């Protein structure tokens, strides 16, 4: 996957996917009787870690400079 594709996909995941995931997680926890605050915190922390695992490859290196871009010293 190219750098540009990973960058665009990461923006889509963060802007659209993450809010949808948060709403689904809150809805899922609300379906059960409210547990103690520590259990609820553990569930939210666990779900917060789990959502990122499948997208690890997408986010890898997105904050760095484009490796495919021509460097500033090698202008033709």
PDB file of N, CA and C in Angstrom:
ATOM      1  N   UNK A   1       0.856  -1.162   0.000  1.00  0.00           N
ATOM      2  CA  UNK A   1       0.000   0.000   0.000  1.00  0.00           C
ATOM      3  C   UNK A   1       0.910   1.236   0.000  1.00  0.00           C
ATOM      4  N   UNK A   2       0.585   2.172  -0.829  1.00  0.00           N
ATOM      5  CA  UNK A   2       1.418   3.362  -0.931  1.00  0.00           C
ATOM      6  C   UNK A   2       1.201   4.270   0.280  1.00  0.00           C
ATOM      7  N   UNK A   3       2.146   5.158   0.468  1.00  0.00           N
ATOM      8  CA  UNK A   3       2.084   6.108   1.578  1.00  0.00           C
ATOM      9  C   UNK A   3       0.834   6.976   1.480  1.00  0.00           C
ATOM     10  N   UNK A   4       0.551   7.434   0.280  1.00  0.00           N
ATOM     11  CA  UNK A   4      -0.599   8.321   0.078  1.00  0.00           C
ATOM     12  C   UNK A   4      -1.918   7.596   0.393  1.00  0.00           C
ATOM     13  N   UNK A   5      -2.022   6.334   0.004  1.00  0.00           N
ATOM     14  CA  UNK A   5      -3.223   5.549   0.287  1.00  0.00           C
ATOM     15  C   UNK A   5      -3.369   5.316   1.785  1.00  0.00           C
ATOM     16  N   UNK A   6      -2.265   4.964   2.443  1.00  0.00           N
ATOM     17  CA  UNK A   6      -2.311   4.754   3.901  1.00  0.00           C
ATOM     18  C   UNK A   6      -2.718   6.032   4.620  1.00  0.00           C
ATOM     19  N   UNK A   7      -2.217   7.154   4.142  1.00  0.00           N
ATOM     20  CA  UNK A   7      -2.541   8.430   4.790  1.00  0.00           C
ATOM     21  C   UNK A   7      -4.026   8.764   4.646  1.00  0.00           C
ATOM     22  N   UNK A   8      -4.560   8.597   3.463  1.00  0.00           N
ATOM     23  CA  UNK A   8      -5.995   8.866   3.248  1.00  0.00           C
ATOM     24  C   UNK A   8      -6.868   7.896   4.027  1.00  0.00           C
ATOM     25  N   UNK A   9      -6.493   6.620   4.028  1.00  0.00           N
ATOM     26  CA  UNK A   9      -7.264   5.616   4.749  1.00  0.00           C
ATOM     27  C   UNK A   9      -7.224   5.881   6.254  1.00  0.00           C
ATOM     28  N   UNK A  10      -6.094   6.329   6.766  1.00  0.00           N
ATOM     29  CA  UNK A  10      -6.019   6.617   8.196  1.00  0.00           C
ATOM     30  C   UNK A  10      -6.924   7.790   8.566  1.00  0.00           C
ATOM     31  N   UNK A  11      -7.035   8.776   7.695  1.00  0.00           N
ATOM     32  CA  UNK A  11      -7.933   9.906   7.962  1.00  0.00           C
ATOM     33  C   UNK A  11      -9.390   9.436   7.976  1.00  0.00           C
ATOM     34  N   UNK A  12      -9.754   8.586   7.034  1.00  0.00           N
ATOM     35  CA  UNK A  12     -11.124   8.055   6.990  1.00  0.00           C
ATOM     36  C   UNK A  12     -11.423   7.248   8.242  1.00  0.00           C
ATOM     37  N   UNK A  13     -10.471   6.423   8.656  1.00  0.00           N
ATOM     38  CA  UNK A  13     -10.674   5.607   9.859  1.00  0.00           C
ATOM     39  C   UNK A  13     -10.850   6.493  11.081  1.00  0.00           C
ATOM     40  N   UNK A  14     -10.048   7.530  11.216  1.00  0.00           N
ATOM     41  CA  UNK A  14     -10.137   8.392  12.394  1.00  0.00           C
ATOM     42  C   UNK A  14     -11.359   9.300  12.389  1.00  0.00           C
ATOM     43  N   UNK A  15     -11.750   9.789  11.223  1.00  0.00           N
ATOM     44  CA  UNK A  15     -12.854  10.752  11.165  1.00  0.00           C
ATOM     45  C   UNK A  15     -14.218  10.064  11.123  1.00  0.00           C
ATOM     46  N   UNK A  16     -14.312   8.933  10.463  1.00  0.00           N
ATOM     47  CA  UNK A  16     -15.603   8.255  10.324  1.00  0.00           C
ATOM     48  C   UNK A  16     -15.675   6.987  11.173  1.00  0.00           C
ATOM     49  N   UNK A  17     -14.656   6.154  11.063  1.00  0.00           N
ATOM     50  CA  UNK A  17     -14.683   4.854  11.730  1.00  0.00           C
ATOM     51  C   UNK A  17     -14.619   4.917  13.235  1.00  0.00           C
ATOM     52  N   UNK A  18     -13.741   5.746  13.768  1.00  0.00           N
ATOM     53  CA  UNK A  18     -13.583   5.821  15.222  1.00  0.00           C
ATOM     54  C   UNK A  18     -14.839   6.326  15.932  1.00  0.00           C
ATOM     55  N   UNK A  19     -15.489   7.399  15.462  1.00  0.00           N
ATOM     56  CA  UNK A  19     -16.736   7.798  16.128  1.00  0.00           C
ATOM     57  C   UNK A  19     -17.829   6.717  16.060  1.00  0.00           C
ATOM     58  N   UNK A  20     -17.910   6.016  14.934  1.00  0.00           N
ATOM     59  CA  UNK A  20     -18.881   4.922  14.838  1.00  0.00           C
ATOM     60  C   UNK A  20     -18.547   3.801  15.816  1.00  0.00           C
ATOM     61  N   UNK A  21     -17.263   3.488  15.962  1.00  0.00           N
ATOM     62  CA  UNK A  21     -16.833   2.458  16.898  1.00  0.00           C
ATOM     63  C   UNK A  21     -17.134   2.868  18.334  1.00  0.00           C
ATOM     64  N   UNK A  22     -16.916   4.137  18.659  1.00  0.00           N
ATOM     65  CA  UNK A  22     -17.200   4.626  20.013  1.00  0.00           C
ATOM     66  C   UNK A  22     -18.690   4.511  20.320  1.00  0.00           C
ATOM     67  N   UNK A  23     -19.533   4.912  19.352  1.00  0.00           N
ATOM     68  CA  UNK A  23     -20.981   4.802  19.568  1.00  0.00           C
ATOM     69  C   UNK A  23     -21.398   3.349  19.741  1.00  0.00           C
ATOM     70  N   UNK A  24     -20.813   2.448  18.962  1.00  0.00           N
ATOM     71  CA  UNK A  24     -21.135   1.023  19.085  1.00  0.00           C
ATOM     72  C   UNK A  24     -20.671   0.472  20.427  1.00  0.00           C
ATOM     73  N   UNK A  25     -19.509   0.892  20.907  1.00  0.00           N
ATOM     74  CA  UNK A  25     -19.007   0.419  22.192  1.00  0.00           C
ATOM     75  C   UNK A  25     -19.891   0.900  23.338  1.00  0.00           C
ATOM     76  N   UNK A  26     -20.297   2.161  23.302  1.00  0.00           N
ATOM     77  CA  UNK A  26     -21.171   2.691  24.349  1.00  0.00           C
ATOM     78  C   UNK A  26     -22.520   1.982  24.311  1.00  0.00           C
ATOM     79  N   UNK A  27     -23.046   1.759  23.117  1.00  0.00           N
ATOM     80  CA  UNK A  27     -24.322   1.054  22.996  1.00  0.00           C
ATOM     81  C   UNK A  27     -24.203  -0.365  23.534  1.00  0.00           C
ATOM     82  N   UNK A  28     -23.093  -1.036  23.231  1.00  0.00           N
ATOM     83  CA  UNK A  28     -22.896  -2.415  23.686  1.00  0.00           C
ATOM     84  C   UNK A  28     -22.839  -2.486  25.204  1.00  0.00           C
ATOM     85  N   UNK A  29     -22.121  -1.583  25.833  1.00  0.00           N
ATOM     86  CA  UNK A  29     -22.019  -1.582  27.294  1.00  0.00           C
ATOM     87  C   UNK A  29     -23.364  -1.239  27.914  1.00  0.00           C
ATOM     88  N   UNK A  30     -24.136  -0.363  27.288  1.00  0.00           N
ATOM     89  CA  UNK A  30     -25.448   0.013  27.822  1.00  0.00           C
ATOM     90  C   UNK A  30     -26.479  -1.107  27.716  1.00  0.00           C
ATOM     91  N   UNK A  31     -26.237  -2.107  26.914  1.00  0.00           N
ATOM     92  CA  UNK A  31     -27.183  -3.211  26.769  1.00  0.00           C
ATOM     93  C   UNK A  31     -27.223  -4.094  28.017  1.00  0.00           C
ATOM     94  N   UNK A  32     -26.194  -4.044  28.810  1.00  0.00           N
ATOM     95  CA  UNK A  32     -26.119  -4.857  30.021  1.00  0.00           C
ATOM     96  C   UNK A  32     -26.380  -3.968  31.229  1.00  0.00           C
ATOM     97  N   UNK A  33     -26.665  -4.630  32.355  1.00  0.00           N
ATOM     98  CA  UNK A  33     -26.836  -3.880  33.590  1.00  0.00           C
ATOM     99  C   UNK A  33     -25.515  -3.184  33.906  1.00  0.00           C
ATOM    100  N   UNK A  34     -25.579  -1.959  34.344  1.00  0.00           N
ATOM    101  CA  UNK A  34     -24.365  -1.163  34.552  1.00  0.00           C
ATOM    102  C   UNK A  34     -23.459  -1.829  35.590  1.00  0.00           C
ATOM    103  N   UNK A  35     -22.233  -2.194  35.158  1.00  0.00           N
ATOM    104  CA  UNK A  35     -21.292  -2.819  36.099  1.00  0.00           C
ATOM    105  C   UNK A  35     -20.633  -1.765  36.990  1.00  0.00           C
ATOM    106  N   UNK A  36     -19.768  -2.229  37.881  1.00  0.00           N
ATOM    107  CA  UNK A  36     -19.046  -1.261  38.717  1.00  0.00           C
ATOM    108  C   UNK A  36     -18.158  -0.398  37.818  1.00  0.00           C
ATOM    109  N   UNK A  37     -17.751   0.721  38.337  1.00  0.00           N
ATOM    110  CA  UNK A  37     -17.005   1.695  37.546  1.00  0.00           C
ATOM    111  C   UNK A  37     -15.665   1.124  37.081  1.00  0.00           C
ATOM    112  N   UNK A  38     -15.028   0.286  37.895  1.00  0.00           N
ATOM    113  CA  UNK A  38     -13.741  -0.298  37.506  1.00  0.00           C
ATOM    114  C   UNK A  38     -13.898  -1.301  36.361  1.00  0.00           C
ATOM    115  N   UNK A  39     -14.940  -2.085  36.396  1.00  0.00           N
ATOM    116  CA  UNK A  39     -15.193  -3.034  35.307  1.00  0.00           C
ATOM    117  C   UNK A  39     -15.534  -2.284  34.028  1.00  0.00           C
ATOM    118  N   UNK A  40     -16.359  -1.262  34.150  1.00  0.00           N
ATOM    119  CA  UNK A  40     -16.723  -0.456  32.983  1.00  0.00           C
ATOM    120  C   UNK A  40     -15.490   0.232  32.393  1.00  0.00           C
ATOM    121  N   UNK A  41     -14.628   0.755  33.246  1.00  0.00           N
ATOM    122  CA  UNK A  41     -13.387   1.370  32.786  1.00  0.00           C
ATOM    123  C   UNK A  41     -12.512   0.343  32.070  1.00  0.00           C
ATOM    124  N   UNK A  42     -12.418  -0.862  32.625  1.00  0.00           N
ATOM    125  CA  UNK A  42     -11.637  -1.926  31.994  1.00  0.00           C
ATOM    126  C   UNK A  42     -12.179  -2.312  30.623  1.00  0.00           C
ATOM    127  N   UNK A  43     -13.496  -2.351  30.500  1.00  0.00           N
ATOM    128  CA  UNK A  43     -14.110  -2.674  29.207  1.00  0.00           C
ATOM    129  C   UNK A  43     -13.789  -1.600  28.179  1.00  0.00           C
ATOM    130  N   UNK A  44     -13.919  -0.336  28.571  1.00  0.00           N
ATOM    131  CA  UNK A  44     -13.634   0.754  27.632  1.00  0.00           C
ATOM    132  C   UNK A  44     -12.154   0.815  27.252  1.00  0.00           C
ATOM    133  N   UNK A  45     -11.272   0.569  28.212  1.00  0.00           N
ATOM    134  CA  UNK A  45      -9.838   0.550  27.896  1.00  0.00           C
ATOM    135  C   UNK A  45      -9.531  -0.613  26.954  1.00  0.00           C
ATOM    136  N   UNK A  46     -10.099  -1.777  27.236  1.00  0.00           N
ATOM    137  CA  UNK A  46      -9.895  -2.934  26.363  1.00  0.00           C
ATOM    138  C   UNK A  46     -10.410  -2.690  24.958  1.00  0.00           C
ATOM    139  N   UNK A  47     -11.598  -2.142  24.835  1.00  0.00           N
ATOM    140  CA  UNK A  47     -12.146  -1.830  23.517  1.00  0.00           C
ATOM    141  C   UNK A  47     -11.344  -0.742  22.820  1.00  0.00           C
ATOM    142  N   UNK A  48     -10.770   0.175  23.608  1.00  0.00           N
ATOM    143  CA  UNK A  48      -9.944   1.225  23.032  1.00  0.00           C
ATOM    144  C   UNK A  48      -8.654   0.699  22.440  1.00  0.00           C
ATOM    145  N   UNK A  49      -8.122  -0.352  23.004  1.00  0.00           N
ATOM    146  CA  UNK A  49      -6.906  -0.966  22.466  1.00  0.00           C
ATOM    147  C   UNK A  49      -7.236  -1.871  21.287  1.00  0.00           C
ATOM    148  N   UNK A  50      -8.313  -2.606  21.401  1.00  0.00           N
ATOM    149  CA  UNK A  50      -8.683  -3.585  20.374  1.00  0.00           C
ATOM    150  C   UNK A  50      -8.989  -2.931  19.029  1.00  0.00           C
ATOM    151  N   UNK A  51      -9.578  -1.743  19.021  1.00  0.00           N
ATOM    152  CA  UNK A  51      -9.966  -1.134  17.739  1.00  0.00           C
ATOM    153  C   UNK A  51      -8.756  -0.818  16.880  1.00  0.00           C
ATOM    154  N   UNK A  52      -7.630  -0.511  17.502  1.00  0.00           N
ATOM    155  CA  UNK A  52      -6.455  -0.083  16.746  1.00  0.00           C
ATOM    156  C   UNK A  52      -5.650  -1.239  16.181  1.00  0.00           C
ATOM    157  N   UNK A  53      -5.771  -2.421  16.722  1.00  0.00           N
ATOM    158  CA  UNK A  53      -4.953  -3.549  16.269  1.00  0.00           C
ATOM    159  C   UNK A  53      -5.101  -3.868  14.783  1.00  0.00           C
ATOM    160  N   UNK A  54      -6.300  -3.930  14.228  1.00  0.00           N
ATOM    161  CA  UNK A  54      -6.403  -4.221  12.792  1.00  0.00           C
ATOM    162  C   UNK A  54      -5.860  -3.109  11.897  1.00  0.00           C
ATOM    163  N   UNK A  55      -5.799  -1.897  12.405  1.00  0.00           N
ATOM    164  CA  UNK A  55      -5.364  -0.754  11.598  1.00  0.00           C
ATOM    165  C   UNK A  55      -3.907  -0.378  11.839  1.00  0.00           C
ATOM    166  N   UNK A  56      -3.173  -1.211  12.536  1.00  0.00           N
ATOM    167  CA  UNK A  56      -1.782  -0.907  12.848  1.00  0.00           C
ATOM    168  C   UNK A  56      -0.945  -0.678  11.601  1.00  0.00           C
ATOM    169  N   UNK A  57      -1.145  -1.483  10.589  1.00  0.00           N
ATOM    170  CA  UNK A  57      -0.382  -1.336   9.347  1.00  0.00           C
ATOM    171  C   UNK A  57      -0.753  -0.043   8.615  1.00  0.00           C
ATOM    172  N   UNK A  58      -1.989   0.391   8.754  1.00  0.00           N
ATOM    173  CA  UNK A  58      -2.427   1.619   8.090  1.00  0.00           C
ATOM    174  C   UNK A  58      -1.773   2.838   8.731  1.00  0.00           C
ATOM    175  N   UNK A  59      -1.682   2.848  10.058  1.00  0.00           N
ATOM    176  CA  UNK A  59      -1.149   4.006  10.765  1.00  0.00           C
ATOM    177  C   UNK A  59       0.374   4.025  10.826  1.00  0.00           C
ATOM    178  N   UNK A  60       1.025   2.925  10.495  1.00  0.00           N
ATOM    179  CA  UNK A  60       2.475   2.829  10.607  1.00  0.00           C
ATOM    180  C   UNK A  60       3.170   3.797   9.652  1.00  0.00           C
ATOM    181  N   UNK A  61       3.902   4.739  10.183  1.00  0.00           N
ATOM    182  CA  UNK A  61       4.683   5.670   9.385  1.00  0.00           C
ATOM    183  C   UNK A  61       3.916   6.808   8.755  1.00  0.00           C
ATOM    184  N   UNK A  62       2.656   6.995   9.087  1.00  0.00           N
ATOM    185  CA  UNK A  62       1.854   8.046   8.470  1.00  0.00           C
ATOM    186  C   UNK A  62       2.319   9.428   8.928  1.00  0.00           C
ATOM    187  N   UNK A  63       2.837   9.539  10.124  1.00  0.00           N
ATOM    188  CA  UNK A  63       3.284  10.831  10.631  1.00  0.00           C
ATOM    189  C   UNK A  63       4.640  11.260  10.101  1.00  0.00           C
ATOM    190  N   UNK A  64       5.321  10.392   9.407  1.00  0.00           N
ATOM    191  CA  UNK A  64       6.640  10.718   8.862  1.00  0.00           C
ATOM    192  C   UNK A  64       6.509  11.325   7.476  1.00  0.00           C
ATOM    193  N   UNK A  65       7.618  11.804   6.966  1.00  0.00           N
ATOM    194  CA  UNK A  65       7.631  12.368   5.610  1.00  0.00           C
ATOM    195  C   UNK A  65       7.418  11.250   4.592  1.00  0.00           C
ATOM    196  N   UNK A  66       6.899  11.621   3.442  1.00  0.00           N
ATOM    197  CA  UNK A  66       6.630  10.657   2.370  1.00  0.00           C
ATOM    198  C   UNK A  66       7.948  10.049   1.880  1.00  0.00           C
ATOM    199  N   UNK A  67       8.113   8.737   2.022  1.00  0.00           N
ATOM    200  CA  UNK A  67       9.370   8.120   1.584  1.00  0.00           C
ATOM    201  C   UNK A  67       9.512   8.086   0.062  1.00  0.00           C
ATOM    202  N   UNK A  68       8.418   8.214  -0.669  1.00  0.00           N
ATOM    203  CA  UNK A  68       8.454   8.179  -2.131  1.00  0.00           C
ATOM    204  C   UNK A  68       8.680   9.553  -2.752  1.00  0.00           C
ATOM    205  N   UNK A  69       8.572  10.600  -1.950  1.00  0.00           N
ATOM    206  CA  UNK A  69       8.731  11.956  -2.473  1.00  0.00           C
ATOM    207  C   UNK A  69      10.211  12.229  -2.764  1.00  0.00           C
ATOM    208  N   UNK A  70      10.480  13.009  -3.793  1.00  0.00           N
ATOM    209  CA  UNK A  70      11.882  13.350  -4.049  1.00  0.00           C
ATOM    210  C   UNK A  70      12.440  14.209  -2.924  1.00  0.00           C
ATOM    211  N   UNK A  71      13.674  13.963  -2.556  1.00  0.00           N
ATOM    212  CA  UNK A  71      14.260  14.717  -1.456  1.00  0.00           C
ATOM    213  C   UNK A  71      14.593  16.134  -1.920  1.00  0.00           C
ATOM    214  N   UNK A  72      14.743  17.025  -0.968  1.00  0.00           N
ATOM    215  CA  UNK A  72      14.973  18.449  -1.284  1.00  0.00           C
ATOM    216  C   UNK A  72      16.343  18.667  -1.944  1.00  0.00           C
ATOM    217  N   UNK A  73      17.335  17.819  -1.641  1.00  0.00           N
ATOM    218  CA  UNK A  73      18.672  17.985  -2.189  1.00  0.00           C
ATOM    219  C   UNK A  73      18.847  17.427  -3.586  1.00  0.00           C
ATOM    220  N   UNK A  74      17.910  16.622  -4.056  1.00  0.00           N
ATOM    221  CA  UNK A  74      18.042  15.972  -5.360  1.00  0.00           C
ATOM    222  C   UNK A  74      17.072  16.532  -6.396  1.00  0.00           C
ATOM    223  N   UNK A  75      16.940  17.818  -6.453  1.00  0.00           N
ATOM    224  CA  UNK A  75      16.026  18.417  -7.427  1.00  0.00           C
ATOM    225  C   UNK A  75      16.666  18.431  -8.795  1.00  0.00           C
ATOM    226  N   UNK A  76      15.897  18.119  -9.798  1.00  0.00           N
ATOM    227  CA  UNK A  76      16.408  18.094 -11.185  1.00  0.00           C
ATOM    228  C   UNK A  76      16.065  19.357 -11.927  1.00  0.00           C
TER     229      UNK A  76
END
